[in-house]
Protein backbone atom coordinates (compact mmCIF):
# COMPACT_ATOMS: atom_id res chain seq x y z
CA UNK A 1 98.46 113.77 121.41
CA UNK A 2 101.09 111.33 120.10
CA UNK A 3 104.20 110.84 122.13
CA UNK A 4 107.82 110.67 121.13
CA UNK A 5 109.17 107.34 122.48
CA UNK A 6 112.67 108.72 122.85
CA UNK A 7 111.38 111.29 125.33
CA UNK A 8 110.93 108.55 127.89
CA UNK A 9 107.31 109.48 128.56
CA UNK A 10 104.25 107.63 127.41
CA UNK A 11 100.63 108.62 127.49
CA UNK A 12 98.48 105.58 128.08
CA UNK A 13 94.72 106.11 128.21
CA UNK A 14 93.07 105.24 131.51
CA UNK A 15 91.02 102.43 129.94
CA UNK A 16 94.26 100.63 129.16
CA UNK A 17 95.80 100.74 132.65
CA UNK A 18 95.41 97.00 133.25
CA UNK A 19 98.20 94.77 132.01
CA UNK A 20 97.18 93.82 128.47
CA UNK A 21 96.60 90.28 127.26
CA UNK A 22 96.84 91.36 123.64
CA UNK A 23 98.40 94.28 121.78
CA UNK A 24 96.82 95.60 118.60
CA UNK A 25 98.93 97.72 116.24
CA UNK A 26 97.24 100.32 114.08
CA UNK A 27 98.51 103.04 111.80
CA UNK A 28 98.68 104.14 108.19
CA UNK A 29 100.46 101.95 105.68
CA UNK A 30 104.22 102.07 106.03
CA UNK A 31 104.07 102.76 109.77
CA UNK A 32 105.82 99.47 110.54
CA UNK A 33 103.03 97.34 111.99
CA UNK A 34 104.08 94.17 110.17
CA UNK A 35 107.78 94.80 110.88
CA UNK A 36 107.48 95.75 114.55
CA UNK A 37 104.72 93.28 115.46
CA UNK A 38 106.92 90.17 115.27
CA UNK A 39 109.59 91.94 117.35
CA UNK A 40 107.08 92.77 120.09
CA UNK A 41 105.67 89.23 120.00
CA UNK A 42 109.15 87.68 120.25
CA UNK A 43 110.05 89.95 123.17
CA UNK A 44 106.89 88.91 125.04
CA UNK A 45 106.85 85.26 123.96
CA UNK A 46 103.51 85.88 122.27
CA UNK A 47 102.12 85.03 118.82
CA UNK A 48 102.13 87.60 116.01
CA UNK A 49 99.27 87.71 113.50
CA UNK A 50 98.82 90.12 110.59
CA UNK A 51 95.09 90.50 109.87
CA UNK A 52 95.71 90.99 106.14
CA UNK A 53 97.61 87.68 105.96
CA UNK A 54 94.70 85.86 107.64
CA UNK A 55 92.15 87.44 105.29
CA UNK A 56 94.20 86.54 102.22
CA UNK A 57 94.70 82.94 103.38
CA UNK A 58 91.01 82.47 104.18
CA UNK A 59 89.76 84.16 101.00
CA UNK A 60 92.34 82.61 98.68
CA UNK A 61 92.86 86.06 97.17
CA UNK A 62 95.03 89.11 97.79
CA UNK A 63 93.68 92.25 99.47
CA UNK A 64 93.97 94.06 96.12
CA UNK A 65 91.92 91.31 94.42
CA UNK A 66 89.27 91.47 97.15
CA UNK A 67 89.01 95.26 96.77
CA UNK A 68 88.67 94.90 93.00
CA UNK A 69 86.16 92.04 93.06
CA UNK A 70 83.95 93.11 95.97
CA UNK A 71 84.75 96.76 96.77
CA UNK A 72 86.02 98.37 99.94
CA UNK A 73 82.77 98.18 102.01
CA UNK A 74 82.58 94.40 101.55
CA UNK A 75 86.27 94.07 102.38
CA UNK A 76 85.83 96.12 105.59
CA UNK A 77 83.01 93.82 106.75
CA UNK A 78 85.19 90.76 106.15
CA UNK A 79 88.06 92.51 107.93
CA UNK A 80 85.86 93.37 110.93
CA UNK A 81 84.66 89.78 111.29
CA UNK A 82 88.26 88.53 111.15
CA UNK A 83 89.46 91.06 113.74
CA UNK A 84 86.53 90.30 116.06
CA UNK A 85 87.44 86.60 115.97
CA UNK A 86 91.19 87.14 116.42
CA UNK A 87 90.75 89.72 119.18
CA UNK A 88 89.45 86.99 121.49
CA UNK A 89 92.92 85.47 121.74
CA UNK A 90 95.37 86.13 124.56
CA UNK A 91 99.15 86.49 124.28
CA UNK A 92 98.71 87.97 120.82
CA UNK A 93 100.20 90.88 118.90
CA UNK A 94 97.78 91.74 116.10
CA UNK A 95 98.66 94.03 113.18
CA UNK A 96 95.64 95.69 111.57
CA UNK A 97 95.32 96.81 108.00
CA UNK A 98 95.63 100.58 107.71
CA UNK A 99 91.94 101.15 107.03
CA UNK A 100 90.51 98.90 109.74
CA UNK A 101 90.31 101.88 112.10
CA UNK A 102 87.65 103.50 109.91
CA UNK A 103 85.10 100.78 110.71
CA UNK A 104 83.30 102.13 113.80
CA UNK A 105 82.47 98.68 115.18
CA UNK A 106 86.08 97.54 114.83
CA UNK A 107 87.35 100.67 116.55
CA UNK A 108 84.83 100.31 119.40
CA UNK A 109 85.63 96.62 119.85
CA UNK A 110 89.37 97.23 120.16
CA UNK A 111 89.13 100.33 122.34
CA UNK A 112 86.67 98.77 124.78
CA UNK A 113 87.73 95.11 125.00
CA UNK A 114 89.19 94.21 128.39
CA UNK A 115 92.82 93.16 128.05
CA UNK A 116 93.36 94.90 124.71
CA UNK A 117 95.96 97.63 124.28
CA UNK A 118 95.66 99.40 120.94
CA UNK A 119 98.88 101.14 119.88
CA UNK A 120 99.02 103.65 117.03
CA UNK A 121 102.29 103.85 115.11
CA UNK A 122 102.26 107.35 113.67
CA UNK A 123 104.23 108.33 110.59
CA UNK A 124 104.04 111.40 108.39
CA UNK A 125 102.48 110.92 104.96
CA UNK A 126 105.90 111.58 103.35
CA UNK A 127 107.31 108.66 105.37
CA UNK A 128 104.53 106.41 104.09
CA UNK A 129 105.21 107.35 100.48
CA UNK A 130 108.96 106.83 100.90
CA UNK A 131 108.63 103.47 102.69
CA UNK A 132 105.93 102.10 100.38
CA UNK A 133 107.20 103.28 97.00
CA UNK A 134 106.96 100.46 94.46
CA UNK A 135 104.26 98.50 96.32
CA UNK A 136 101.24 100.08 94.65
CA UNK A 137 100.31 96.75 93.04
CA UNK A 138 99.68 95.18 96.48
CA UNK A 139 98.41 98.30 98.29
CA UNK A 140 95.16 99.44 96.67
CA UNK A 141 94.97 102.63 98.72
CA UNK A 142 98.54 103.66 97.82
CA UNK A 143 97.78 103.22 94.14
CA UNK A 144 94.97 105.80 94.51
CA UNK A 145 97.33 108.81 94.71
CA UNK A 146 94.51 111.29 94.14
CA UNK A 147 92.86 110.31 97.44
CA UNK A 148 95.90 109.23 99.47
CA UNK A 149 96.35 112.47 101.43
CA UNK A 150 92.66 112.80 102.21
CA UNK A 151 92.55 109.20 103.51
CA UNK A 152 95.61 109.84 105.65
CA UNK A 153 94.14 113.01 107.19
CA UNK A 154 90.70 111.41 107.66
CA UNK A 155 92.22 108.43 109.48
CA UNK A 156 94.77 110.28 111.63
CA UNK A 157 92.34 111.36 114.40
CA UNK A 158 90.89 107.84 114.45
CA UNK A 159 94.36 106.33 114.86
CA UNK A 160 95.09 108.82 117.62
CA UNK A 161 92.08 107.51 119.55
CA UNK A 162 94.18 104.42 120.34
CA UNK A 163 95.23 103.81 123.94
CA UNK A 164 98.83 104.74 123.01
CA UNK A 165 100.12 106.77 120.07
CA UNK A 166 103.82 106.72 119.19
CA UNK A 167 105.57 108.89 116.60
CA UNK A 168 107.90 106.43 114.84
CA UNK A 169 109.16 108.10 111.64
CA UNK A 170 112.79 108.36 112.78
CA UNK A 171 112.95 105.22 114.93
CA UNK A 172 114.43 101.83 114.14
CA UNK A 173 112.03 98.87 114.48
CA UNK A 174 113.81 97.71 117.64
CA UNK A 175 113.25 101.13 119.26
CA UNK A 176 109.57 101.06 118.35
CA UNK A 177 109.24 97.54 119.75
CA UNK A 178 110.86 98.61 123.00
CA UNK A 179 108.56 101.64 123.27
CA UNK A 180 105.48 99.45 122.78
CA UNK A 181 106.58 96.92 125.40
CA UNK A 182 107.36 99.74 127.82
CA UNK A 183 104.00 101.47 127.20
CA UNK A 184 102.21 98.16 127.79
CA UNK A 185 103.74 97.75 131.24
CA UNK A 186 104.84 94.22 130.32
CA UNK A 187 108.52 95.09 130.73
CA UNK A 188 108.30 95.03 134.50
């Protein structure tokens, strides 16, 4: 069950009890992964990497162009290979694309890798729509309004399998960052 950071309690899965060497942020689009990630990295003196930025730089194309040219299954394989490579690094805050969690091998890798703490930033679908309005041209999943709700509901239990799940709709980025650092145990 997701936790409310302002409550002062955090549920951290037993497999994540060791002090993490990397923090992986997951959640639906608009949850704040790319906004909060740099704040967490700065607080810890770590590097921040957005998986989508790496994929675009390496492919020489946007995520939307890759979806259009090669389809989602091909994109997810490319995404998995990129995450598997990046997840070997220490002192790293890694922001995943919203759909990365659906790839079973990616999910298993991140949930079972020693030193990895996967944190789910949970937002309601209405929050996603509000925060992402006007970005449909760069977010292929958002542009597909007919299937948006079903994708959200299909992914939610997968996101919640993360080591930590935080409800962040009403929180400022700084509050989310603080909750992540606290949940990681790296604030001691």
